[in-house]
Amino acid sequence: MTRPAKGMKLGWVVGSALNPHFHFHLVILDGLFSQDATDAVQFHPASDLGSRDMQRLQQTLRRRVLRLFLRPRAPR
């Protein structure tokens, strides 16, 4: 795991108005991680995925994300 450089801090910028800003949220798949019986982690590049594989993955992700958004939430 990469550690942040010494002295780096998380920050944000707040404007004085709620200006609309159109943008996209993307999920870009470049691979996945697996863990073996010894807890060693290995990265597997996604270079072998074909068009049909990407379509199936996109459908699965869309279904799971929408399911999360539609799940009933307890009132706060």
N, C-alpha and C. Protein backbone atom coordinates (compact mmCIF):
# COMPACT_ATOMS: atom_id res chain seq x y z
N MET A 1 0.85 -1.18 0.00
CA MET A 1 0.00 0.00 0.00
C MET A 1 0.90 1.24 0.00
N THR A 2 0.59 2.19 -0.84
CA THR A 2 1.36 3.42 -0.93
C THR A 2 0.96 4.36 0.20
N ARG A 3 1.95 4.92 0.87
CA ARG A 3 1.69 5.87 1.94
C ARG A 3 1.77 7.28 1.38
N PRO A 4 0.94 8.19 1.90
CA PRO A 4 1.01 9.58 1.42
C PRO A 4 2.35 10.20 1.79
N ALA A 5 2.81 11.12 0.98
CA ALA A 5 4.07 11.82 1.26
C ALA A 5 3.93 12.60 2.55
N LYS A 6 5.02 12.74 3.27
CA LYS A 6 5.01 13.44 4.55
C LYS A 6 4.49 14.87 4.38
N GLY A 7 3.58 15.27 5.23
CA GLY A 7 3.04 16.62 5.19
C GLY A 7 1.81 16.78 4.31
N MET A 8 1.41 15.74 3.54
CA MET A 8 0.23 15.86 2.69
C MET A 8 -1.02 15.73 3.54
N LYS A 9 -2.05 16.51 3.19
CA LYS A 9 -3.31 16.49 3.91
C LYS A 9 -4.46 16.49 2.91
N LEU A 10 -5.59 15.94 3.34
CA LEU A 10 -6.79 15.95 2.53
C LEU A 10 -7.43 17.33 2.63
N GLY A 11 -7.93 17.84 1.51
CA GLY A 11 -8.55 19.16 1.54
C GLY A 11 -9.69 19.26 0.55
N TRP A 12 -10.37 20.38 0.56
CA TRP A 12 -11.47 20.63 -0.36
C TRP A 12 -11.63 22.13 -0.56
N VAL A 13 -12.40 22.47 -1.58
CA VAL A 13 -12.66 23.88 -1.89
C VAL A 13 -14.17 24.07 -1.85
N VAL A 14 -14.63 25.11 -1.17
CA VAL A 14 -16.05 25.42 -1.07
C VAL A 14 -16.29 26.77 -1.71
N GLY A 15 -17.20 26.79 -2.67
CA GLY A 15 -17.54 28.05 -3.32
C GLY A 15 -18.59 28.82 -2.54
N SER A 16 -18.86 30.04 -2.99
CA SER A 16 -19.83 30.88 -2.29
C SER A 16 -21.25 30.66 -2.79
N ALA A 17 -21.42 29.85 -3.85
CA ALA A 17 -22.76 29.60 -4.40
C ALA A 17 -22.84 28.15 -4.86
N LEU A 18 -24.05 27.67 -4.99
CA LEU A 18 -24.24 26.32 -5.50
C LEU A 18 -24.34 26.37 -7.02
N ASN A 19 -23.22 26.44 -7.68
CA ASN A 19 -23.18 26.50 -9.14
C ASN A 19 -23.32 25.09 -9.72
N PRO A 20 -24.15 24.95 -10.77
CA PRO A 20 -24.24 23.63 -11.39
C PRO A 20 -22.93 23.29 -12.09
N HIS A 21 -22.51 22.08 -11.96
CA HIS A 21 -21.32 21.62 -12.65
C HIS A 21 -21.59 20.20 -13.14
N PHE A 22 -21.77 20.10 -14.43
CA PHE A 22 -22.09 18.81 -15.03
C PHE A 22 -20.82 17.98 -15.13
N HIS A 23 -20.91 16.73 -14.71
CA HIS A 23 -19.76 15.86 -14.72
C HIS A 23 -20.21 14.41 -14.77
N PHE A 24 -19.29 13.53 -14.99
CA PHE A 24 -19.57 12.10 -15.07
C PHE A 24 -18.80 11.37 -13.98
N HIS A 25 -19.42 10.33 -13.46
CA HIS A 25 -18.73 9.42 -12.55
C HIS A 25 -18.49 8.14 -13.35
N LEU A 26 -17.26 7.69 -13.38
CA LEU A 26 -16.91 6.53 -14.19
C LEU A 26 -16.30 5.44 -13.33
N VAL A 27 -16.53 4.22 -13.75
CA VAL A 27 -15.82 3.07 -13.19
C VAL A 27 -15.00 2.51 -14.33
N ILE A 28 -13.69 2.52 -14.15
CA ILE A 28 -12.80 2.03 -15.20
C ILE A 28 -12.09 0.80 -14.66
N LEU A 29 -12.31 -0.31 -15.31
CA LEU A 29 -11.74 -1.56 -14.87
C LEU A 29 -10.40 -1.79 -15.54
N ASP A 30 -9.35 -1.91 -14.75
CA ASP A 30 -8.05 -2.23 -15.34
C ASP A 30 -7.53 -3.56 -14.82
N GLY A 31 -8.30 -4.22 -13.99
CA GLY A 31 -7.92 -5.53 -13.49
C GLY A 31 -8.61 -5.84 -12.19
N LEU A 32 -8.20 -6.94 -11.58
CA LEU A 32 -8.76 -7.33 -10.30
C LEU A 32 -7.69 -8.00 -9.45
N PHE A 33 -7.98 -8.12 -8.17
CA PHE A 33 -7.05 -8.74 -7.24
C PHE A 33 -7.63 -10.05 -6.76
N SER A 34 -6.74 -11.03 -6.52
CA SER A 34 -7.14 -12.29 -5.91
C SER A 34 -6.23 -12.55 -4.73
N GLN A 35 -6.71 -13.38 -3.83
CA GLN A 35 -5.95 -13.71 -2.62
C GLN A 35 -5.89 -15.22 -2.52
N ASP A 36 -4.69 -15.77 -2.30
CA ASP A 36 -4.57 -17.22 -2.18
C ASP A 36 -4.63 -17.67 -0.73
N ALA A 37 -4.42 -18.95 -0.48
CA ALA A 37 -4.55 -19.52 0.87
C ALA A 37 -3.52 -18.95 1.84
N THR A 38 -2.41 -18.42 1.33
CA THR A 38 -1.38 -17.83 2.21
C THR A 38 -1.59 -16.34 2.41
N ASP A 39 -2.72 -15.82 1.95
CA ASP A 39 -3.06 -14.39 2.02
C ASP A 39 -2.22 -13.52 1.11
N ALA A 40 -1.49 -14.12 0.18
CA ALA A 40 -0.75 -13.34 -0.81
C ALA A 40 -1.76 -12.77 -1.82
N VAL A 41 -1.57 -11.52 -2.19
CA VAL A 41 -2.48 -10.84 -3.11
C VAL A 41 -1.78 -10.71 -4.46
N GLN A 42 -2.53 -11.00 -5.52
CA GLN A 42 -1.98 -10.91 -6.88
C GLN A 42 -2.93 -10.09 -7.74
N PHE A 43 -2.35 -9.21 -8.58
CA PHE A 43 -3.15 -8.40 -9.50
C PHE A 43 -3.23 -9.10 -10.85
N HIS A 44 -4.42 -9.13 -11.44
CA HIS A 44 -4.64 -9.75 -12.75
C HIS A 44 -5.13 -8.66 -13.71
N PRO A 45 -4.30 -8.25 -14.68
CA PRO A 45 -4.72 -7.21 -15.63
C PRO A 45 -5.95 -7.64 -16.42
N ALA A 46 -6.77 -6.69 -16.80
CA ALA A 46 -8.00 -6.95 -17.53
C ALA A 46 -7.78 -6.93 -19.03
N SER A 47 -6.59 -7.14 -19.48
CA SER A 47 -6.27 -7.02 -20.90
C SER A 47 -6.91 -8.10 -21.76
N ASP A 48 -7.32 -9.22 -21.14
CA ASP A 48 -7.89 -10.31 -21.93
C ASP A 48 -9.40 -10.25 -22.05
N LEU A 49 -10.02 -9.18 -21.54
CA LEU A 49 -11.47 -9.07 -21.63
C LEU A 49 -11.90 -8.63 -23.02
N GLY A 50 -12.84 -9.36 -23.57
CA GLY A 50 -13.37 -9.00 -24.88
C GLY A 50 -14.62 -8.14 -24.75
N SER A 51 -15.19 -7.78 -25.87
CA SER A 51 -16.37 -6.92 -25.90
C SER A 51 -17.55 -7.56 -25.15
N ARG A 52 -17.77 -8.84 -25.38
CA ARG A 52 -18.88 -9.54 -24.72
C ARG A 52 -18.65 -9.60 -23.21
N ASP A 53 -17.41 -9.82 -22.78
CA ASP A 53 -17.09 -9.82 -21.35
C ASP A 53 -17.39 -8.47 -20.73
N MET A 54 -17.01 -7.39 -21.43
CA MET A 54 -17.24 -6.05 -20.91
C MET A 54 -18.73 -5.74 -20.81
N GLN A 55 -19.52 -6.21 -21.78
CA GLN A 55 -20.97 -6.01 -21.73
C GLN A 55 -21.57 -6.72 -20.52
N ARG A 56 -21.15 -7.96 -20.27
CA ARG A 56 -21.67 -8.71 -19.12
C ARG A 56 -21.26 -8.03 -17.82
N LEU A 57 -20.02 -7.56 -17.75
CA LEU A 57 -19.55 -6.88 -16.55
C LEU A 57 -20.34 -5.59 -16.31
N GLN A 58 -20.56 -4.83 -17.38
CA GLN A 58 -21.31 -3.58 -17.26
C GLN A 58 -22.74 -3.84 -16.77
N GLN A 59 -23.38 -4.86 -17.30
CA GLN A 59 -24.74 -5.19 -16.87
C GLN A 59 -24.77 -5.61 -15.40
N THR A 60 -23.79 -6.40 -14.98
CA THR A 60 -23.73 -6.85 -13.59
C THR A 60 -23.51 -5.66 -12.65
N LEU A 61 -22.56 -4.79 -12.99
CA LEU A 61 -22.30 -3.62 -12.15
C LEU A 61 -23.51 -2.70 -12.08
N ARG A 62 -24.15 -2.46 -13.21
CA ARG A 62 -25.33 -1.59 -13.23
C ARG A 62 -26.42 -2.15 -12.33
N ARG A 63 -26.68 -3.45 -12.45
CA ARG A 63 -27.72 -4.09 -11.64
C ARG A 63 -27.40 -3.98 -10.14
N ARG A 64 -26.13 -4.23 -9.77
CA ARG A 64 -25.76 -4.19 -8.36
C ARG A 64 -25.80 -2.78 -7.79
N VAL A 65 -25.35 -1.80 -8.55
CA VAL A 65 -25.37 -0.41 -8.07
C VAL A 65 -26.81 0.07 -7.92
N LEU A 66 -27.65 -0.22 -8.91
CA LEU A 66 -29.06 0.19 -8.81
C LEU A 66 -29.74 -0.49 -7.63
N ARG A 67 -29.42 -1.74 -7.37
CA ARG A 67 -29.98 -2.44 -6.23
C ARG A 67 -29.60 -1.74 -4.92
N LEU A 68 -28.36 -1.26 -4.83
CA LEU A 68 -27.94 -0.53 -3.64
C LEU A 68 -28.72 0.76 -3.46
N PHE A 69 -28.96 1.48 -4.56
CA PHE A 69 -29.70 2.75 -4.48
C PHE A 69 -31.17 2.52 -4.13
N LEU A 70 -31.72 1.40 -4.56
CA LEU A 70 -33.15 1.15 -4.34
C LEU A 70 -33.43 0.45 -3.02
N ARG A 71 -32.40 0.06 -2.29
CA ARG A 71 -32.58 -0.62 -1.02
C ARG A 71 -33.18 0.36 0.00
N PRO A 72 -34.21 -0.09 0.74
CA PRO A 72 -34.81 0.80 1.74
C PRO A 72 -33.79 1.17 2.82
N ARG A 73 -33.85 2.39 3.26
CA ARG A 73 -32.93 2.89 4.30
C ARG A 73 -33.72 3.21 5.56
N ALA A 74 -33.07 3.01 6.69
CA ALA A 74 -33.71 3.35 7.96
C ALA A 74 -33.70 4.88 8.11
N PRO A 75 -34.77 5.46 8.65
CA PRO A 75 -34.79 6.92 8.86
C PRO A 75 -33.72 7.34 9.85
N ARG A 76 -33.19 8.54 9.66
CA ARG A 76 -32.14 9.06 10.57
C ARG A 76 -32.73 9.86 11.69
